[in-house]
Amino acid sequence: MAEFTLHCFYESGNAYKAALMLALNGADWEPVKVEFFKGETRQDDWRTETNVMGEVPVLIHHRQDGDFTLTQSGAILTYLARHFGTFGPQTEAEEFEVLRWLLFDSQKVSGYGGPLRFLRHLKKTGETESVQFLHGRFVAALDIMNHRLMGREWLAADRCTIADLACFGYFNWPDEIGVDLADYPNVAAWVERIKALPGWQPPEALMPRAFEG
């Protein structure tokens, strides 16, 4: 058995954050495909036995003292940073700066970019009022990131941290989200820096696809 099991699927940028962190650390792990689009996470047994929130990712660390299960990508990234001693904060100030960007990602970046991609690319709803609202909120978050990255390489520290890996979760699919990163040159350069990290792999190399549409 691998040291880590990750319940995930390719289409989830949140699951990708955990998969990427495992890959960057050369972890011994295996993905378990979740049939999200067939309703697996909405089943009673999933919510009772795996994650009451009905979401991925779900990480299981098979430890000597028993299995340790975590959900929510920000919590998983924080745990893995402590476990591996990589991509984490090194000072108290950095700890709270990283936390600030983890929350920003959850609320603003992945929080709007994920649903926007889902509606535009997977559900193909067209340019509905909801899509336009999400688009406006997502590009506002991009503006903030672009300003933050002016004259600096990383969001929370002088090196890549889990704050960057969290915010990066959906940036493999700008076309599917419906944005042009050329309009945000500092963000575009940041994306390339993350892709240049030793051990980086795209989501399709790490997780199985679940969408059959």
N, C-alpha and C. Protein backbone atom coordinates (compact mmCIF):
# COMPACT_ATOMS: atom_id res chain seq x y z
N MET A 1 0.84 -1.20 0.00
CA MET A 1 0.00 0.00 0.00
C MET A 1 0.87 1.25 0.00
N ALA A 2 0.48 2.23 -0.79
CA ALA A 2 1.18 3.50 -0.81
C ALA A 2 1.01 4.22 0.52
N GLU A 3 1.89 5.17 0.80
CA GLU A 3 1.80 5.91 2.06
C GLU A 3 0.57 6.82 2.09
N PHE A 4 0.22 7.37 0.92
CA PHE A 4 -0.92 8.28 0.82
C PHE A 4 -1.90 7.78 -0.24
N THR A 5 -3.18 7.95 0.05
CA THR A 5 -4.24 7.73 -0.94
C THR A 5 -4.99 9.05 -1.11
N LEU A 6 -5.19 9.44 -2.37
CA LEU A 6 -5.90 10.68 -2.65
C LEU A 6 -7.14 10.38 -3.48
N HIS A 7 -8.31 10.64 -2.90
CA HIS A 7 -9.56 10.54 -3.64
C HIS A 7 -9.70 11.82 -4.47
N CYS A 8 -9.79 11.66 -5.78
CA CYS A 8 -9.66 12.82 -6.64
C CYS A 8 -10.21 12.52 -8.03
N PHE A 9 -10.20 13.53 -8.89
CA PHE A 9 -10.46 13.35 -10.32
C PHE A 9 -9.87 14.55 -11.05
N TYR A 10 -9.49 14.32 -12.30
CA TYR A 10 -8.75 15.30 -13.09
C TYR A 10 -9.42 16.65 -13.17
N GLU A 11 -10.72 16.69 -13.28
CA GLU A 11 -11.43 17.94 -13.52
C GLU A 11 -11.44 18.87 -12.31
N SER A 12 -11.05 18.39 -11.16
CA SER A 12 -11.08 19.19 -9.94
C SER A 12 -9.76 19.91 -9.71
N GLY A 13 -9.79 21.23 -9.80
CA GLY A 13 -8.60 22.01 -9.49
C GLY A 13 -8.23 21.93 -8.03
N ASN A 14 -9.23 21.74 -7.17
CA ASN A 14 -8.94 21.60 -5.75
C ASN A 14 -8.20 20.30 -5.46
N ALA A 15 -8.62 19.22 -6.11
CA ALA A 15 -7.91 17.96 -5.95
C ALA A 15 -6.50 18.05 -6.52
N TYR A 16 -6.37 18.82 -7.61
CA TYR A 16 -5.05 18.97 -8.23
C TYR A 16 -4.04 19.60 -7.28
N LYS A 17 -4.50 20.54 -6.45
CA LYS A 17 -3.58 21.17 -5.48
C LYS A 17 -2.91 20.11 -4.61
N ALA A 18 -3.69 19.18 -4.10
CA ALA A 18 -3.15 18.12 -3.26
C ALA A 18 -2.25 17.18 -4.07
N ALA A 19 -2.70 16.81 -5.26
CA ALA A 19 -1.91 15.91 -6.11
C ALA A 19 -0.58 16.56 -6.48
N LEU A 20 -0.60 17.85 -6.80
CA LEU A 20 0.63 18.54 -7.16
C LEU A 20 1.59 18.60 -5.98
N MET A 21 1.08 18.88 -4.79
CA MET A 21 1.94 18.92 -3.60
C MET A 21 2.59 17.55 -3.37
N LEU A 22 1.84 16.50 -3.54
CA LEU A 22 2.41 15.15 -3.40
C LEU A 22 3.48 14.90 -4.46
N ALA A 23 3.20 15.32 -5.69
CA ALA A 23 4.16 15.12 -6.78
C ALA A 23 5.43 15.92 -6.56
N LEU A 24 5.30 17.16 -6.14
CA LEU A 24 6.47 18.01 -5.93
C LEU A 24 7.38 17.46 -4.83
N ASN A 25 6.79 16.72 -3.92
CA ASN A 25 7.56 16.13 -2.82
C ASN A 25 7.99 14.69 -3.09
N GLY A 26 7.71 14.18 -4.28
CA GLY A 26 8.09 12.82 -4.60
C GLY A 26 7.47 11.80 -3.66
N ALA A 27 6.24 12.07 -3.23
CA ALA A 27 5.58 11.21 -2.24
C ALA A 27 5.20 9.86 -2.83
N ASP A 28 5.05 8.90 -1.96
CA ASP A 28 4.54 7.57 -2.30
C ASP A 28 3.02 7.64 -2.16
N TRP A 29 2.33 7.79 -3.28
CA TRP A 29 0.88 8.00 -3.20
C TRP A 29 0.19 7.38 -4.41
N GLU A 30 -1.10 7.19 -4.26
CA GLU A 30 -1.89 6.69 -5.38
C GLU A 30 -3.23 7.42 -5.43
N PRO A 31 -3.71 7.72 -6.63
CA PRO A 31 -5.02 8.37 -6.78
C PRO A 31 -6.13 7.33 -6.83
N VAL A 32 -7.27 7.68 -6.27
CA VAL A 32 -8.47 6.87 -6.38
C VAL A 32 -9.52 7.72 -7.08
N LYS A 33 -9.98 7.24 -8.23
CA LYS A 33 -10.93 8.01 -9.03
C LYS A 33 -12.28 8.12 -8.31
N VAL A 34 -12.79 9.34 -8.28
CA VAL A 34 -14.11 9.61 -7.70
C VAL A 34 -15.07 9.92 -8.85
N GLU A 35 -16.17 9.21 -8.90
CA GLU A 35 -17.16 9.42 -9.97
C GLU A 35 -18.07 10.60 -9.60
N PHE A 36 -17.48 11.75 -9.56
CA PHE A 36 -18.19 12.94 -9.12
C PHE A 36 -19.40 13.24 -9.99
N PHE A 37 -19.23 13.13 -11.30
CA PHE A 37 -20.31 13.50 -12.21
C PHE A 37 -21.42 12.46 -12.29
N LYS A 38 -21.20 11.32 -11.63
CA LYS A 38 -22.25 10.31 -11.50
C LYS A 38 -22.88 10.34 -10.11
N GLY A 39 -22.50 11.35 -9.33
CA GLY A 39 -23.14 11.55 -8.04
C GLY A 39 -22.54 10.80 -6.87
N GLU A 40 -21.33 10.26 -7.04
CA GLU A 40 -20.75 9.45 -5.97
C GLU A 40 -20.64 10.21 -4.66
N THR A 41 -20.21 11.47 -4.71
CA THR A 41 -19.98 12.21 -3.48
C THR A 41 -21.27 12.66 -2.79
N ARG A 42 -22.40 12.48 -3.49
CA ARG A 42 -23.69 12.84 -2.89
C ARG A 42 -24.39 11.65 -2.24
N GLN A 43 -23.78 10.48 -2.35
CA GLN A 43 -24.36 9.28 -1.75
C GLN A 43 -24.18 9.29 -0.23
N ASP A 44 -25.12 8.68 0.46
CA ASP A 44 -25.06 8.66 1.92
C ASP A 44 -23.80 7.99 2.44
N ASP A 45 -23.37 6.91 1.78
CA ASP A 45 -22.19 6.22 2.29
C ASP A 45 -20.93 7.06 2.12
N TRP A 46 -20.85 7.83 1.03
CA TRP A 46 -19.70 8.73 0.85
C TRP A 46 -19.67 9.77 1.97
N ARG A 47 -20.81 10.38 2.23
CA ARG A 47 -20.86 11.45 3.24
C ARG A 47 -20.66 10.90 4.65
N THR A 48 -21.04 9.66 4.85
CA THR A 48 -20.87 9.06 6.17
C THR A 48 -19.46 8.53 6.37
N GLU A 49 -18.90 7.89 5.34
CA GLU A 49 -17.64 7.18 5.51
C GLU A 49 -16.42 7.95 5.00
N THR A 50 -16.63 8.89 4.06
CA THR A 50 -15.49 9.54 3.42
C THR A 50 -15.40 11.02 3.73
N ASN A 51 -16.43 11.78 3.37
CA ASN A 51 -16.40 13.23 3.61
C ASN A 51 -17.82 13.75 3.71
N VAL A 52 -18.20 14.19 4.89
CA VAL A 52 -19.55 14.68 5.12
C VAL A 52 -19.87 15.88 4.23
N MET A 53 -18.82 16.59 3.76
CA MET A 53 -19.05 17.76 2.91
C MET A 53 -19.37 17.39 1.46
N GLY A 54 -19.20 16.12 1.12
CA GLY A 54 -19.53 15.68 -0.23
C GLY A 54 -18.62 16.25 -1.29
N GLU A 55 -17.33 16.35 -0.97
CA GLU A 55 -16.37 17.00 -1.88
C GLU A 55 -15.08 16.20 -1.97
N VAL A 56 -14.29 16.52 -2.99
CA VAL A 56 -12.89 16.11 -3.07
C VAL A 56 -12.05 17.39 -3.00
N PRO A 57 -10.79 17.25 -2.62
CA PRO A 57 -10.02 16.03 -2.37
C PRO A 57 -10.24 15.47 -0.97
N VAL A 58 -9.95 14.18 -0.87
CA VAL A 58 -9.86 13.51 0.43
C VAL A 58 -8.51 12.79 0.45
N LEU A 59 -7.69 13.15 1.41
CA LEU A 59 -6.36 12.55 1.54
C LEU A 59 -6.34 11.62 2.74
N ILE A 60 -5.84 10.40 2.53
CA ILE A 60 -5.66 9.47 3.63
C ILE A 60 -4.16 9.20 3.78
N HIS A 61 -3.64 9.49 4.93
CA HIS A 61 -2.25 9.20 5.25
C HIS A 61 -2.22 7.91 6.06
N HIS A 62 -1.66 6.88 5.47
CA HIS A 62 -1.61 5.57 6.13
C HIS A 62 -0.40 5.55 7.07
N ARG A 63 -0.62 5.89 8.32
CA ARG A 63 0.45 6.02 9.29
C ARG A 63 0.52 4.78 10.18
N GLN A 64 1.62 4.67 10.88
CA GLN A 64 1.79 3.52 11.78
C GLN A 64 0.76 3.54 12.91
N ASP A 65 0.33 4.72 13.30
CA ASP A 65 -0.66 4.81 14.38
C ASP A 65 -2.09 4.80 13.87
N GLY A 66 -2.27 4.48 12.59
CA GLY A 66 -3.60 4.39 12.00
C GLY A 66 -3.81 5.41 10.91
N ASP A 67 -4.81 5.18 10.11
CA ASP A 67 -5.10 6.09 9.00
C ASP A 67 -5.53 7.46 9.51
N PHE A 68 -4.99 8.49 8.87
CA PHE A 68 -5.34 9.87 9.20
C PHE A 68 -5.94 10.50 7.96
N THR A 69 -7.20 10.93 8.05
CA THR A 69 -7.93 11.43 6.89
C THR A 69 -8.12 12.94 6.98
N LEU A 70 -7.85 13.62 5.88
CA LEU A 70 -8.04 15.06 5.80
C LEU A 70 -8.88 15.41 4.58
N THR A 71 -9.67 16.47 4.71
CA THR A 71 -10.42 17.01 3.59
C THR A 71 -10.19 18.52 3.54
N GLN A 72 -10.60 19.12 2.43
CA GLN A 72 -10.39 20.54 2.12
C GLN A 72 -8.93 20.77 1.73
N SER A 73 -8.75 21.32 0.53
CA SER A 73 -7.41 21.44 -0.04
C SER A 73 -6.48 22.29 0.82
N GLY A 74 -6.98 23.36 1.41
CA GLY A 74 -6.12 24.20 2.24
C GLY A 74 -5.59 23.46 3.45
N ALA A 75 -6.44 22.67 4.07
CA ALA A 75 -6.02 21.87 5.22
C ALA A 75 -5.02 20.80 4.79
N ILE A 76 -5.27 20.18 3.65
CA ILE A 76 -4.37 19.14 3.14
C ILE A 76 -3.00 19.72 2.82
N LEU A 77 -2.97 20.86 2.15
CA LEU A 77 -1.70 21.50 1.83
C LEU A 77 -0.93 21.85 3.10
N THR A 78 -1.63 22.37 4.10
CA THR A 78 -0.99 22.73 5.36
C THR A 78 -0.38 21.50 6.04
N TYR A 79 -1.14 20.41 6.06
CA TYR A 79 -0.66 19.17 6.66
C TYR A 79 0.57 18.64 5.93
N LEU A 80 0.51 18.62 4.60
CA LEU A 80 1.63 18.09 3.83
C LEU A 80 2.87 18.98 3.95
N ALA A 81 2.67 20.29 4.04
CA ALA A 81 3.80 21.19 4.23
C ALA A 81 4.52 20.88 5.54
N ARG A 82 3.74 20.60 6.59
CA ARG A 82 4.35 20.24 7.87
C ARG A 82 4.99 18.86 7.82
N HIS A 83 4.33 17.94 7.14
CA HIS A 83 4.85 16.56 7.07
C HIS A 83 6.17 16.51 6.32
N PHE A 84 6.24 17.17 5.17
CA PHE A 84 7.44 17.11 4.34
C PHE A 84 8.45 18.20 4.68
N GLY A 85 8.01 19.23 5.37
CA GLY A 85 8.91 20.35 5.66
C GLY A 85 9.22 21.18 4.44
N THR A 86 8.26 21.25 3.52
CA THR A 86 8.45 22.00 2.27
C THR A 86 7.27 22.91 2.01
N PHE A 87 7.53 24.01 1.31
CA PHE A 87 6.50 24.94 0.83
C PHE A 87 5.68 25.57 1.96
N GLY A 88 6.17 25.48 3.17
CA GLY A 88 5.44 26.05 4.29
C GLY A 88 6.04 27.38 4.75
N PRO A 89 5.36 28.05 5.67
CA PRO A 89 5.90 29.29 6.24
C PRO A 89 7.07 29.01 7.16
N GLN A 90 7.96 29.99 7.30
CA GLN A 90 9.13 29.83 8.15
C GLN A 90 9.14 30.78 9.33
N THR A 91 8.23 31.74 9.34
CA THR A 91 8.13 32.67 10.45
C THR A 91 6.65 32.86 10.79
N GLU A 92 6.39 33.47 11.93
CA GLU A 92 5.01 33.74 12.29
C GLU A 92 4.34 34.65 11.29
N ALA A 93 5.05 35.66 10.82
CA ALA A 93 4.49 36.57 9.83
C ALA A 93 4.13 35.82 8.55
N GLU A 94 5.00 34.93 8.11
CA GLU A 94 4.72 34.14 6.92
C GLU A 94 3.55 33.19 7.14
N GLU A 95 3.43 32.66 8.32
CA GLU A 95 2.32 31.75 8.61
C GLU A 95 0.98 32.42 8.33
N PHE A 96 0.84 33.65 8.79
CA PHE A 96 -0.43 34.33 8.61
C PHE A 96 -0.57 34.91 7.20
N GLU A 97 0.55 35.19 6.55
CA GLU A 97 0.48 35.62 5.16
C GLU A 97 0.04 34.46 4.27
N VAL A 98 0.59 33.29 4.52
CA VAL A 98 0.16 32.10 3.79
C VAL A 98 -1.33 31.83 4.04
N LEU A 99 -1.75 31.91 5.28
CA LEU A 99 -3.16 31.70 5.60
C LEU A 99 -4.04 32.70 4.87
N ARG A 100 -3.59 33.95 4.81
CA ARG A 100 -4.37 34.98 4.12
C ARG A 100 -4.62 34.60 2.67
N TRP A 101 -3.58 34.08 1.99
CA TRP A 101 -3.75 33.73 0.58
C TRP A 101 -4.49 32.41 0.39
N LEU A 102 -4.38 31.51 1.36
CA LEU A 102 -5.21 30.29 1.29
C LEU A 102 -6.69 30.66 1.35
N LEU A 103 -7.03 31.58 2.23
CA LEU A 103 -8.42 32.02 2.33
C LEU A 103 -8.85 32.79 1.09
N PHE A 104 -7.97 33.62 0.58
CA PHE A 104 -8.27 34.37 -0.64
C PHE A 104 -8.54 33.42 -1.80
N ASP A 105 -7.71 32.38 -1.90
CA ASP A 105 -7.94 31.40 -2.96
C ASP A 105 -9.30 30.73 -2.82
N SER A 106 -9.60 30.27 -1.61
CA SER A 106 -10.86 29.57 -1.40
C SER A 106 -12.06 30.44 -1.71
N GLN A 107 -11.98 31.71 -1.35
CA GLN A 107 -13.11 32.60 -1.55
C GLN A 107 -13.16 33.21 -2.95
N LYS A 108 -12.00 33.60 -3.47
CA LYS A 108 -11.97 34.45 -4.67
C LYS A 108 -11.43 33.76 -5.93
N VAL A 109 -10.36 33.01 -5.80
CA VAL A 109 -9.70 32.45 -6.99
C VAL A 109 -10.37 31.13 -7.39
N SER A 110 -10.12 30.08 -6.63
CA SER A 110 -10.81 28.82 -6.90
C SER A 110 -12.31 28.95 -6.65
N GLY A 111 -12.65 29.79 -5.67
CA GLY A 111 -14.06 29.96 -5.32
C GLY A 111 -14.92 30.47 -6.46
N TYR A 112 -14.34 31.27 -7.34
CA TYR A 112 -15.06 31.74 -8.52
C TYR A 112 -14.60 31.05 -9.80
N GLY A 113 -13.29 30.78 -9.91
CA GLY A 113 -12.76 30.17 -11.12
C GLY A 113 -13.26 28.75 -11.35
N GLY A 114 -13.39 27.98 -10.26
CA GLY A 114 -13.88 26.61 -10.40
C GLY A 114 -15.30 26.54 -10.93
N PRO A 115 -16.26 27.23 -10.29
CA PRO A 115 -17.63 27.23 -10.81
C PRO A 115 -17.75 27.83 -12.21
N LEU A 116 -16.92 28.85 -12.49
CA LEU A 116 -16.96 29.47 -13.82
C LEU A 116 -16.53 28.47 -14.89
N ARG A 117 -15.45 27.73 -14.63
CA ARG A 117 -15.01 26.70 -15.58
C ARG A 117 -16.07 25.61 -15.72
N PHE A 118 -16.66 25.21 -14.60
CA PHE A 118 -17.67 24.15 -14.64
C PHE A 118 -18.84 24.55 -15.54
N LEU A 119 -19.32 25.76 -15.38
CA LEU A 119 -20.48 26.20 -16.17
C LEU A 119 -20.12 26.42 -17.63
N ARG A 120 -18.99 27.07 -17.88
CA ARG A 120 -18.63 27.39 -19.26
C ARG A 120 -18.17 26.16 -20.04
N HIS A 121 -17.31 25.38 -19.43
CA HIS A 121 -16.66 24.32 -20.20
C HIS A 121 -17.34 22.96 -20.06
N LEU A 122 -17.75 22.61 -18.85
CA LEU A 122 -18.31 21.28 -18.64
C LEU A 122 -19.83 21.25 -18.88
N LYS A 123 -20.54 22.21 -18.31
CA LYS A 123 -21.99 22.25 -18.49
C LYS A 123 -22.41 22.97 -19.76
N LYS A 124 -21.51 23.84 -20.26
CA LYS A 124 -21.78 24.59 -21.50
C LYS A 124 -23.12 25.33 -21.42
N THR A 125 -23.27 26.10 -20.38
CA THR A 125 -24.53 26.81 -20.15
C THR A 125 -24.70 28.04 -21.02
N GLY A 126 -23.61 28.48 -21.66
CA GLY A 126 -23.67 29.75 -22.38
C GLY A 126 -23.43 30.91 -21.42
N GLU A 127 -23.49 32.10 -21.96
CA GLU A 127 -23.17 33.29 -21.16
C GLU A 127 -24.38 33.76 -20.38
N THR A 128 -24.74 32.99 -19.38
CA THR A 128 -25.87 33.32 -18.53
C THR A 128 -25.50 34.45 -17.56
N GLU A 129 -26.48 34.94 -16.85
CA GLU A 129 -26.23 35.97 -15.85
C GLU A 129 -25.29 35.46 -14.76
N SER A 130 -25.44 34.21 -14.38
CA SER A 130 -24.57 33.62 -13.36
C SER A 130 -23.13 33.54 -13.85
N VAL A 131 -22.96 33.14 -15.11
CA VAL A 131 -21.62 33.06 -15.69
C VAL A 131 -20.97 34.44 -15.73
N GLN A 132 -21.72 35.43 -16.13
CA GLN A 132 -21.17 36.77 -16.19
C GLN A 132 -20.79 37.29 -14.81
N PHE A 133 -21.59 36.96 -13.81
CA PHE A 133 -21.26 37.37 -12.44
C PHE A 133 -19.95 36.71 -12.00
N LEU A 134 -19.85 35.39 -12.20
CA LEU A 134 -18.64 34.68 -11.80
C LEU A 134 -17.41 35.19 -12.55
N HIS A 135 -17.59 35.49 -13.83
CA HIS A 135 -16.48 36.01 -14.63
C HIS A 135 -15.98 37.33 -14.04
N GLY A 136 -16.89 38.22 -13.71
CA GLY A 136 -16.51 39.50 -13.15
C GLY A 136 -15.76 39.36 -11.84
N ARG A 137 -16.22 38.44 -11.00
CA ARG A 137 -15.56 38.23 -9.71
C ARG A 137 -14.19 37.58 -9.89
N PHE A 138 -14.08 36.66 -10.86
CA PHE A 138 -12.80 35.99 -11.07
C PHE A 138 -11.76 36.96 -11.62
N VAL A 139 -12.11 37.77 -12.61
CA VAL A 139 -11.12 38.70 -13.16
C VAL A 139 -10.75 39.76 -12.13
N ALA A 140 -11.66 40.08 -11.21
CA ALA A 140 -11.30 40.99 -10.12
C ALA A 140 -10.22 40.36 -9.25
N ALA A 141 -10.33 39.05 -8.99
CA ALA A 141 -9.30 38.35 -8.23
C ALA A 141 -7.98 38.31 -9.01
N LEU A 142 -8.07 38.13 -10.32
CA LEU A 142 -6.86 38.14 -11.15
C LEU A 142 -6.17 39.49 -11.07
N ASP A 143 -6.94 40.56 -11.08
CA ASP A 143 -6.37 41.91 -10.95
C ASP A 143 -5.59 42.04 -9.65
N ILE A 144 -6.15 41.53 -8.57
CA ILE A 144 -5.48 41.59 -7.27
C ILE A 144 -4.17 40.80 -7.31
N MET A 145 -4.22 39.60 -7.86
CA MET A 145 -3.01 38.79 -7.95
C MET A 145 -1.96 39.45 -8.83
N ASN A 146 -2.40 40.01 -9.94
CA ASN A 146 -1.47 40.66 -10.86
C ASN A 146 -0.76 41.83 -10.18
N HIS A 147 -1.52 42.58 -9.38
CA HIS A 147 -0.93 43.69 -8.65
C HIS A 147 0.03 43.18 -7.57
N ARG A 148 -0.36 42.13 -6.86
CA ARG A 148 0.49 41.57 -5.81
C ARG A 148 1.81 41.08 -6.38
N LEU A 149 1.79 40.51 -7.57
CA LEU A 149 2.98 39.92 -8.17
C LEU A 149 3.83 40.93 -8.94
N MET A 150 3.50 42.18 -8.85
CA MET A 150 4.30 43.21 -9.49
C MET A 150 5.61 43.38 -8.72
N GLY A 151 6.70 43.05 -9.37
CA GLY A 151 8.01 43.20 -8.73
C GLY A 151 8.37 42.10 -7.76
N ARG A 152 7.58 41.03 -7.71
CA ARG A 152 7.89 39.90 -6.84
C ARG A 152 7.52 38.60 -7.56
N GLU A 153 8.10 37.50 -7.11
CA GLU A 153 7.90 36.22 -7.79
C GLU A 153 6.79 35.38 -7.19
N TRP A 154 6.56 35.51 -5.88
CA TRP A 154 5.63 34.62 -5.19
C TRP A 154 4.65 35.41 -4.34
N LEU A 155 3.54 34.81 -4.00
CA LEU A 155 2.46 35.54 -3.34
C LEU A 155 2.72 35.86 -1.87
N ALA A 156 3.23 34.91 -1.12
CA ALA A 156 3.26 35.07 0.34
C ALA A 156 4.66 35.18 0.94
N ALA A 157 5.69 34.80 0.20
CA ALA A 157 7.04 34.80 0.74
C ALA A 157 8.03 35.03 -0.40
N ASP A 158 9.32 34.91 -0.10
CA ASP A 158 10.34 35.09 -1.13
C ASP A 158 10.64 33.80 -1.87
N ARG A 159 9.77 32.82 -1.71
CA ARG A 159 9.90 31.51 -2.36
C ARG A 159 8.49 30.95 -2.53
N CYS A 160 8.38 29.89 -3.30
CA CYS A 160 7.07 29.27 -3.51
C CYS A 160 6.59 28.62 -2.22
N THR A 161 5.33 28.87 -1.88
CA THR A 161 4.72 28.25 -0.70
C THR A 161 3.39 27.62 -1.10
N ILE A 162 2.75 26.99 -0.13
CA ILE A 162 1.44 26.40 -0.40
C ILE A 162 0.41 27.46 -0.77
N ALA A 163 0.68 28.73 -0.45
CA ALA A 163 -0.21 29.80 -0.90
C ALA A 163 -0.23 29.85 -2.42
N ASP A 164 0.94 29.72 -3.03
CA ASP A 164 1.02 29.71 -4.49
C ASP A 164 0.38 28.46 -5.08
N LEU A 165 0.66 27.32 -4.48
CA LEU A 165 0.10 26.07 -5.00
C LEU A 165 -1.42 26.07 -4.90
N ALA A 166 -1.96 26.68 -3.84
CA ALA A 166 -3.42 26.76 -3.70
C ALA A 166 -4.02 27.63 -4.79
N CYS A 167 -3.47 28.82 -4.94
CA CYS A 167 -4.02 29.75 -5.94
C CYS A 167 -3.82 29.26 -7.36
N PHE A 168 -2.83 28.39 -7.57
CA PHE A 168 -2.53 27.88 -8.90
C PHE A 168 -3.51 26.80 -9.37
N GLY A 169 -4.32 26.28 -8.48
CA GLY A 169 -5.12 25.08 -8.76
C GLY A 169 -5.84 25.05 -10.09
N TYR A 170 -6.42 26.17 -10.51
CA TYR A 170 -7.22 26.18 -11.74
C TYR A 170 -6.52 26.84 -12.92
N PHE A 171 -5.25 27.20 -12.77
CA PHE A 171 -4.57 27.94 -13.82
C PHE A 171 -4.01 27.07 -14.94
N ASN A 172 -4.29 25.78 -14.90
CA ASN A 172 -3.98 24.93 -16.06
C ASN A 172 -5.02 25.08 -17.15
N TRP A 173 -6.15 25.71 -16.84
CA TRP A 173 -7.28 25.74 -17.77
C TRP A 173 -7.81 27.16 -18.02
N PRO A 174 -6.96 28.14 -18.31
CA PRO A 174 -7.49 29.49 -18.52
C PRO A 174 -8.48 29.57 -19.67
N ASP A 175 -8.22 28.81 -20.73
CA ASP A 175 -9.15 28.83 -21.88
C ASP A 175 -10.51 28.26 -21.48
N GLU A 176 -10.52 27.23 -20.67
CA GLU A 176 -11.79 26.64 -20.23
C GLU A 176 -12.53 27.57 -19.27
N ILE A 177 -11.77 28.33 -18.50
CA ILE A 177 -12.39 29.32 -17.61
C ILE A 177 -12.92 30.49 -18.43
N GLY A 178 -12.18 30.84 -19.48
CA GLY A 178 -12.61 31.93 -20.34
C GLY A 178 -11.87 33.23 -20.09
N VAL A 179 -10.56 33.12 -19.76
CA VAL A 179 -9.74 34.31 -19.56
C VAL A 179 -8.46 34.17 -20.37
N ASP A 180 -7.86 35.32 -20.69
CA ASP A 180 -6.59 35.36 -21.40
C ASP A 180 -5.54 35.87 -20.44
N LEU A 181 -4.61 35.01 -20.07
CA LEU A 181 -3.60 35.40 -19.10
C LEU A 181 -2.64 36.45 -19.64
N ALA A 182 -2.64 36.65 -20.96
CA ALA A 182 -1.82 37.72 -21.51
C ALA A 182 -2.26 39.09 -20.98
N ASP A 183 -3.50 39.17 -20.52
CA ASP A 183 -4.01 40.42 -19.94
C ASP A 183 -3.49 40.62 -18.52
N TYR A 184 -2.85 39.59 -17.96
CA TYR A 184 -2.34 39.64 -16.58
C TYR A 184 -0.91 39.12 -16.60
N PRO A 185 0.02 39.92 -17.12
CA PRO A 185 1.38 39.42 -17.37
C PRO A 185 2.11 38.93 -16.13
N ASN A 186 1.87 39.54 -14.98
CA ASN A 186 2.55 39.09 -13.76
C ASN A 186 2.03 37.73 -13.32
N VAL A 187 0.73 37.51 -13.50
CA VAL A 187 0.15 36.20 -13.20
C VAL A 187 0.67 35.16 -14.19
N ALA A 188 0.73 35.52 -15.46
CA ALA A 188 1.22 34.58 -16.48
C ALA A 188 2.65 34.16 -16.19
N ALA A 189 3.50 35.09 -15.76
CA ALA A 189 4.89 34.75 -15.44
C ALA A 189 4.95 33.85 -14.20
N TRP A 190 4.08 34.13 -13.23
CA TRP A 190 3.99 33.30 -12.01
C TRP A 190 3.58 31.87 -12.36
N VAL A 191 2.62 31.72 -13.25
CA VAL A 191 2.19 30.40 -13.70
C VAL A 191 3.38 29.63 -14.27
N GLU A 192 4.18 30.28 -15.10
CA GLU A 192 5.32 29.61 -15.70
C GLU A 192 6.37 29.24 -14.66
N ARG A 193 6.53 30.07 -13.62
CA ARG A 193 7.48 29.73 -12.56
C ARG A 193 7.04 28.47 -11.83
N ILE A 194 5.74 28.35 -11.58
CA ILE A 194 5.25 27.14 -10.90
C ILE A 194 5.46 25.91 -11.79
N LYS A 195 5.20 26.05 -13.07
CA LYS A 195 5.38 24.92 -13.98
C LYS A 195 6.84 24.52 -14.13
N ALA A 196 7.74 25.42 -13.74
CA ALA A 196 9.17 25.12 -13.83
C ALA A 196 9.71 24.48 -12.55
N LEU A 197 8.88 24.34 -11.52
CA LEU A 197 9.34 23.71 -10.28
C LEU A 197 9.72 22.25 -10.52
N PRO A 198 10.82 21.79 -9.94
CA PRO A 198 11.21 20.38 -10.10
C PRO A 198 10.10 19.45 -9.60
N GLY A 199 9.69 18.54 -10.44
CA GLY A 199 8.64 17.59 -10.08
C GLY A 199 7.25 18.02 -10.50
N TRP A 200 7.12 19.23 -11.07
CA TRP A 200 5.78 19.67 -11.50
C TRP A 200 5.24 18.73 -12.58
N GLN A 201 3.95 18.45 -12.49
CA GLN A 201 3.25 17.68 -13.51
C GLN A 201 1.85 18.26 -13.70
N PRO A 202 1.32 18.18 -14.91
CA PRO A 202 -0.04 18.68 -15.14
C PRO A 202 -1.07 17.74 -14.56
N PRO A 203 -2.30 18.21 -14.39
CA PRO A 203 -3.33 17.37 -13.75
C PRO A 203 -3.60 16.06 -14.47
N GLU A 204 -3.53 16.07 -15.82
CA GLU A 204 -3.84 14.85 -16.55
C GLU A 204 -2.80 13.76 -16.32
N ALA A 205 -1.61 14.14 -15.85
CA ALA A 205 -0.57 13.15 -15.55
C ALA A 205 -0.71 12.59 -14.14
N LEU A 206 -1.54 13.21 -13.31
CA LEU A 206 -1.62 12.83 -11.91
C LEU A 206 -2.94 12.19 -11.50
N MET A 207 -4.03 12.53 -12.21
CA MET A 207 -5.35 12.11 -11.75
C MET A 207 -6.20 11.58 -12.90
N PRO A 208 -7.09 10.64 -12.63
CA PRO A 208 -7.96 10.09 -13.68
C PRO A 208 -9.12 11.03 -14.00
N ARG A 209 -9.54 11.00 -15.25
CA ARG A 209 -10.68 11.82 -15.67
C ARG A 209 -11.99 11.19 -15.20
N ALA A 210 -12.96 12.05 -14.89
CA ALA A 210 -14.27 11.56 -14.45
C ALA A 210 -15.39 12.01 -15.39
N PHE A 211 -15.17 13.11 -16.12
CA PHE A 211 -16.23 13.64 -16.97
C PHE A 211 -16.24 12.92 -18.31
N GLU A 212 -17.41 12.47 -18.74
CA GLU A 212 -17.51 11.69 -19.97
C GLU A 212 -18.26 12.45 -21.07
N GLY A 213 -18.57 13.71 -20.81
CA GLY A 213 -19.32 14.51 -21.78
C GLY A 213 -18.49 14.96 -22.95
